Amino acid sequence: MVHWFDIFAVTFLLISAVWSCYRGFVREIFSLVSLIAGYVTASMFSGAIAPYFKIIVDQKHYQEMASF
């Protein structure tokens, strides 16, 4: 059974491949690497930043969403 994330990932990569035909391969690779680096960085530091949102939002779940 295909997971929804697999469908999203394949769709994202196909759109990126088509778009790279117009923009250029190297530029598109750097774009994808920067997106992945941004996601990893946000994942690493969102927990540390979340308490600063306690002033605005009381629920911890929403604090983590805002810090991400």
C-alpha atoms as a PDB file:
ATOM      1  CA  MET A   1       0.000   0.000   0.000  1.00  0.00           C
ATOM      2  CA  VAL A   2       1.361   3.411  -0.955  1.00  0.00           C
ATOM      3  CA  HIS A   3       1.703   5.878   1.877  1.00  0.00           C
ATOM      4  CA  TRP A   4       0.548   9.485   1.399  1.00  0.00           C
ATOM      5  CA  PHE A   5       4.076  10.737   2.040  1.00  0.00           C
ATOM      6  CA  ASP A   6       5.426   8.599  -0.813  1.00  0.00           C
ATOM      7  CA  ILE A   7       2.883  10.102  -3.188  1.00  0.00           C
ATOM      8  CA  PHE A   8       3.807  13.597  -1.996  1.00  0.00           C
ATOM      9  CA  ALA A   9       7.552  12.934  -2.354  1.00  0.00           C
ATOM     10  CA  VAL A  10       7.256  11.478  -5.865  1.00  0.00           C
ATOM     11  CA  THR A  11       4.974  14.304  -6.983  1.00  0.00           C
ATOM     12  CA  PHE A  12       7.348  16.882  -5.531  1.00  0.00           C
ATOM     13  CA  LEU A  13      10.349  15.305  -7.271  1.00  0.00           C
ATOM     14  CA  LEU A  14       8.539  15.080 -10.614  1.00  0.00           C
ATOM     15  CA  ILE A  15       7.476  18.712 -10.468  1.00  0.00           C
ATOM     16  CA  SER A  16      11.014  19.644  -9.489  1.00  0.00           C
ATOM     17  CA  ALA A  17      12.446  17.651 -12.411  1.00  0.00           C
ATOM     18  CA  VAL A  18      10.175  19.367 -14.913  1.00  0.00           C
ATOM     19  CA  TRP A  19      10.915  22.764 -13.404  1.00  0.00           C
ATOM     20  CA  SER A  20      14.674  22.088 -13.562  1.00  0.00           C
ATOM     21  CA  CYS A  21      14.430  21.773 -17.340  1.00  0.00           C
ATOM     22  CA  TYR A  22      13.563  25.463 -17.390  1.00  0.00           C
ATOM     23  CA  ARG A  23      15.812  26.725 -14.602  1.00  0.00           C
ATOM     24  CA  GLY A  24      18.881  24.557 -14.987  1.00  0.00           C
ATOM     25  CA  PHE A  25      20.038  21.424 -13.226  1.00  0.00           C
ATOM     26  CA  VAL A  26      22.645  22.898 -10.872  1.00  0.00           C
ATOM     27  CA  ARG A  27      20.381  25.710  -9.748  1.00  0.00           C
ATOM     28  CA  GLU A  28      17.578  23.240  -9.045  1.00  0.00           C
ATOM     29  CA  ILE A  29      19.879  20.938  -7.051  1.00  0.00           C
ATOM     30  CA  PHE A  30      20.930  23.864  -4.857  1.00  0.00           C
ATOM     31  CA  SER A  31      17.281  24.773  -4.418  1.00  0.00           C
ATOM     32  CA  LEU A  32      16.371  21.250  -3.274  1.00  0.00           C
ATOM     33  CA  VAL A  33      19.375  21.074  -0.941  1.00  0.00           C
ATOM     34  CA  SER A  34      18.396  24.394   0.643  1.00  0.00           C
ATOM     35  CA  LEU A  35      14.809  23.178   1.171  1.00  0.00           C
ATOM     36  CA  ILE A  36      16.041  20.007   2.858  1.00  0.00           C
ATOM     37  CA  ALA A  37      18.541  21.959   4.988  1.00  0.00           C
ATOM     38  CA  GLY A  38      15.796  24.359   6.054  1.00  0.00           C
ATOM     39  CA  TYR A  39      13.522  21.494   7.060  1.00  0.00           C
ATOM     40  CA  VAL A  40      16.284  19.758   9.028  1.00  0.00           C
ATOM     41  CA  THR A  41      17.259  22.998  10.769  1.00  0.00           C
ATOM     42  CA  ALA A  42      13.647  23.761  11.667  1.00  0.00           C
ATOM     43  CA  SER A  43      13.223  20.222  13.002  1.00  0.00           C
ATOM     44  CA  MET A  44      16.336  20.519  15.160  1.00  0.00           C
ATOM     45  CA  PHE A  45      15.602  23.917  16.708  1.00  0.00           C
ATOM     46  CA  SER A  46      11.805  24.131  16.855  1.00  0.00           C
ATOM     47  CA  GLY A  47      11.741  22.486  20.280  1.00  0.00           C
ATOM     48  CA  ALA A  48      14.180  25.039  21.677  1.00  0.00           C
ATOM     49  CA  ILE A  49      12.277  27.989  20.196  1.00  0.00           C
ATOM     50  CA  ALA A  50       8.780  26.788  21.204  1.00  0.00           C
ATOM     51  CA  PRO A  51       8.871  28.103  24.818  1.00  0.00           C
ATOM     52  CA  TYR A  52       9.269  31.661  23.503  1.00  0.00           C
ATOM     53  CA  PHE A  53       5.784  31.377  21.985  1.00  0.00           C
ATOM     54  CA  LYS A  54       4.244  30.669  25.411  1.00  0.00           C
ATOM     55  CA  ILE A  55       3.411  34.370  25.734  1.00  0.00           C
ATOM     56  CA  ILE A  56       1.282  34.226  22.591  1.00  0.00           C
ATOM     57  CA  VAL A  57      -0.099  30.657  22.645  1.00  0.00           C
ATOM     58  CA  ASP A  58      -0.872  28.572  25.727  1.00  0.00           C
ATOM     59  CA  GLN A  59      -1.028  25.090  24.195  1.00  0.00           C
ATOM     60  CA  LYS A  60       2.297  23.343  23.656  1.00  0.00           C
ATOM     61  CA  HIS A  61       1.221  21.798  20.354  1.00  0.00           C
ATOM     62  CA  TYR A  62       0.533  25.215  18.859  1.00  0.00           C
ATOM     63  CA  GLN A  63       3.778  26.583  20.260  1.00  0.00           C
ATOM     64  CA  GLU A  64       5.709  23.878  18.412  1.00  0.00           C
ATOM     65  CA  MET A  65       3.784  24.538  15.209  1.00  0.00           C
ATOM     66  CA  ALA A  66       4.538  28.254  15.418  1.00  0.00           C
ATOM     67  CA  SER A  67       8.219  27.662  16.130  1.00  0.00           C
ATOM     68  CA  PHE A  68       8.586  25.310  13.186  1.00  0.00           C
END
